[in-house]
Amino acid sequence: MQVCATNNQGSYSFRCPGCTLAVAKLAESRVVDLLVSSGVKLSVWSLPAELDEPRQGAPISYDDLLEFHTQIEQDGWFEKLTSPIGRNDD
């Protein structure tokens, strides 16, 4: 049983006794109260603060993601990524 302290949304998960697959369900507050009162362990978490940060620039596209993937397959990708803008050692 998990409840988000930021928006008070709850969920729970269990393993189906018939097929043994993991099942996850959203839970209203009354379901959360019922499960916790019957002994289910409650875990409280918060949304990351980064979600509240202002966003700038265009969203990342599939082409951006593909280009990044291509770049990190090359030797020296991290140094190229972290080098100051305008520096051209190529």
C-alpha atoms as a PDB file:
ATOM      1  CA  MET A   1       0.000   0.000   0.000  1.00  0.00           C
ATOM      2  CA  GLN A   2       1.472   3.312  -1.125  1.00  0.00           C
ATOM      3  CA  VAL A   3       0.104   6.817  -0.648  1.00  0.00           C
ATOM      4  CA  CYS A   4       1.558   9.941  -2.236  1.00  0.00           C
ATOM      5  CA  ALA A   5       1.812  12.712   0.359  1.00  0.00           C
ATOM      6  CA  THR A   6       1.815  15.349  -2.402  1.00  0.00           C
ATOM      7  CA  ASN A   7      -1.581  14.538  -3.943  1.00  0.00           C
ATOM      8  CA  ASN A   8      -3.000  11.963  -1.498  1.00  0.00           C
ATOM      9  CA  GLN A   9      -3.434   9.318  -4.228  1.00  0.00           C
ATOM     10  CA  GLY A  10      -3.122   5.730  -3.095  1.00  0.00           C
ATOM     11  CA  SER A  11      -2.430   2.400  -4.722  1.00  0.00           C
ATOM     12  CA  TYR A  12      -1.854  -1.177  -3.693  1.00  0.00           C
ATOM     13  CA  SER A  13      -0.412  -4.251  -5.313  1.00  0.00           C
ATOM     14  CA  PHE A  14      -0.656  -7.971  -4.747  1.00  0.00           C
ATOM     15  CA  ARG A  15       0.136 -11.260  -6.427  1.00  0.00           C
ATOM     16  CA  CYS A  16      -2.904 -12.988  -7.905  1.00  0.00           C
ATOM     17  CA  PRO A  17      -3.365 -16.327  -6.128  1.00  0.00           C
ATOM     18  CA  GLY A  18      -4.734 -17.912  -9.324  1.00  0.00           C
ATOM     19  CA  CYS A  19      -2.129 -16.937 -11.923  1.00  0.00           C
ATOM     20  CA  THR A  20       0.632 -15.501  -9.646  1.00  0.00           C
ATOM     21  CA  LEU A  21       0.907 -12.348 -11.773  1.00  0.00           C
ATOM     22  CA  ALA A  22       1.477  -9.021 -10.004  1.00  0.00           C
ATOM     23  CA  VAL A  23      -1.636  -6.811  -9.943  1.00  0.00           C
ATOM     24  CA  ALA A  24      -1.643  -3.075  -9.134  1.00  0.00           C
ATOM     25  CA  LYS A  25      -4.768  -1.047  -8.371  1.00  0.00           C
ATOM     26  CA  LEU A  26      -5.536   2.566  -7.524  1.00  0.00           C
ATOM     27  CA  ALA A  27      -7.103   3.017  -4.096  1.00  0.00           C
ATOM     28  CA  GLU A  28      -9.516   5.655  -2.852  1.00  0.00           C
ATOM     29  CA  SER A  29      -8.931   6.961   0.663  1.00  0.00           C
ATOM     30  CA  ARG A  30     -11.619   4.678   2.137  1.00  0.00           C
ATOM     31  CA  VAL A  31      -9.850   1.635   0.627  1.00  0.00           C
ATOM     32  CA  VAL A  32      -6.522   2.870   2.014  1.00  0.00           C
ATOM     33  CA  ASP A  33      -8.094   3.255   5.474  1.00  0.00           C
ATOM     34  CA  LEU A  34      -9.636  -0.222   5.301  1.00  0.00           C
ATOM     35  CA  LEU A  35      -6.434  -1.948   4.198  1.00  0.00           C
ATOM     36  CA  VAL A  36      -4.255  -0.129   6.746  1.00  0.00           C
ATOM     37  CA  SER A  37      -6.725  -0.855   9.558  1.00  0.00           C
ATOM     38  CA  SER A  38      -6.565  -4.542   8.658  1.00  0.00           C
ATOM     39  CA  GLY A  39      -2.768  -4.615   8.971  1.00  0.00           C
ATOM     40  CA  VAL A  40      -1.442  -3.782   5.500  1.00  0.00           C
ATOM     41  CA  LYS A  41       1.861  -1.875   5.713  1.00  0.00           C
ATOM     42  CA  LEU A  42       1.577   1.744   4.520  1.00  0.00           C
ATOM     43  CA  SER A  43       4.373   3.431   2.595  1.00  0.00           C
ATOM     44  CA  VAL A  44       4.157   7.226   2.129  1.00  0.00           C
ATOM     45  CA  TRP A  45       6.105   8.922  -0.651  1.00  0.00           C
ATOM     46  CA  SER A  46       6.225  12.351  -2.331  1.00  0.00           C
ATOM     47  CA  LEU A  47       6.425  13.475  -5.934  1.00  0.00           C
ATOM     48  CA  PRO A  48       9.915  14.740  -6.848  1.00  0.00           C
ATOM     49  CA  ALA A  49      10.452  18.491  -6.478  1.00  0.00           C
ATOM     50  CA  GLU A  50      11.698  18.635 -10.086  1.00  0.00           C
ATOM     51  CA  LEU A  51       8.085  18.400 -11.263  1.00  0.00           C
ATOM     52  CA  ASP A  52       7.500  21.918  -9.903  1.00  0.00           C
ATOM     53  CA  GLU A  53      10.539  23.433 -11.622  1.00  0.00           C
ATOM     54  CA  PRO A  54       9.907  25.778 -14.549  1.00  0.00           C
ATOM     55  CA  ARG A  55      10.489  24.206 -17.956  1.00  0.00           C
ATOM     56  CA  GLN A  56      12.324  25.949 -20.757  1.00  0.00           C
ATOM     57  CA  GLY A  57      12.831  25.077 -24.389  1.00  0.00           C
ATOM     58  CA  ALA A  58      11.119  22.623 -26.667  1.00  0.00           C
ATOM     59  CA  PRO A  59      10.241  19.120 -25.444  1.00  0.00           C
ATOM     60  CA  ILE A  60      12.688  16.331 -26.280  1.00  0.00           C
ATOM     61  CA  SER A  61      11.763  14.649 -29.561  1.00  0.00           C
ATOM     62  CA  TYR A  62      12.320  11.081 -30.732  1.00  0.00           C
ATOM     63  CA  ASP A  63      15.068  12.409 -32.992  1.00  0.00           C
ATOM     64  CA  ASP A  64      16.774  14.017 -29.970  1.00  0.00           C
ATOM     65  CA  LEU A  65      16.602  10.715 -28.105  1.00  0.00           C
ATOM     66  CA  LEU A  66      18.004   8.785 -31.073  1.00  0.00           C
ATOM     67  CA  GLU A  67      20.844  11.305 -31.459  1.00  0.00           C
ATOM     68  CA  PHE A  68      21.673  11.027 -27.745  1.00  0.00           C
ATOM     69  CA  HIS A  69      21.671   7.225 -27.983  1.00  0.00           C
ATOM     70  CA  THR A  70      24.047   7.396 -30.966  1.00  0.00           C
ATOM     71  CA  GLN A  71      26.344   9.810 -29.110  1.00  0.00           C
ATOM     72  CA  ILE A  72      26.671   7.705 -25.937  1.00  0.00           C
ATOM     73  CA  GLU A  73      27.760   4.699 -27.972  1.00  0.00           C
ATOM     74  CA  GLN A  74      30.926   6.594 -28.974  1.00  0.00           C
ATOM     75  CA  ASP A  75      34.146   6.841 -26.972  1.00  0.00           C
ATOM     76  CA  GLY A  76      34.516  10.136 -25.137  1.00  0.00           C
ATOM     77  CA  TRP A  77      30.756  10.829 -25.139  1.00  0.00           C
ATOM     78  CA  PHE A  78      30.686  12.063 -21.545  1.00  0.00           C
ATOM     79  CA  GLU A  79      33.539  14.504 -22.017  1.00  0.00           C
ATOM     80  CA  LYS A  80      31.892  15.834 -25.191  1.00  0.00           C
ATOM     81  CA  LEU A  81      28.578  16.179 -23.359  1.00  0.00           C
ATOM     82  CA  THR A  82      30.077  18.054 -20.407  1.00  0.00           C
ATOM     83  CA  SER A  83      32.524  20.271 -22.311  1.00  0.00           C
ATOM     84  CA  PRO A  84      31.767  24.014 -22.318  1.00  0.00           C
ATOM     85  CA  ILE A  85      29.547  25.228 -25.155  1.00  0.00           C
ATOM     86  CA  GLY A  86      31.539  26.669 -28.021  1.00  0.00           C
ATOM     87  CA  ARG A  87      34.608  24.525 -27.304  1.00  0.00           C
ATOM     88  CA  ASN A  88      35.480  22.579 -30.406  1.00  0.00           C
ATOM     89  CA  ASP A  89      38.256  19.994 -30.036  1.00  0.00           C
ATOM     90  CA  ASP A  90      37.174  17.963 -33.068  1.00  0.00           C
END
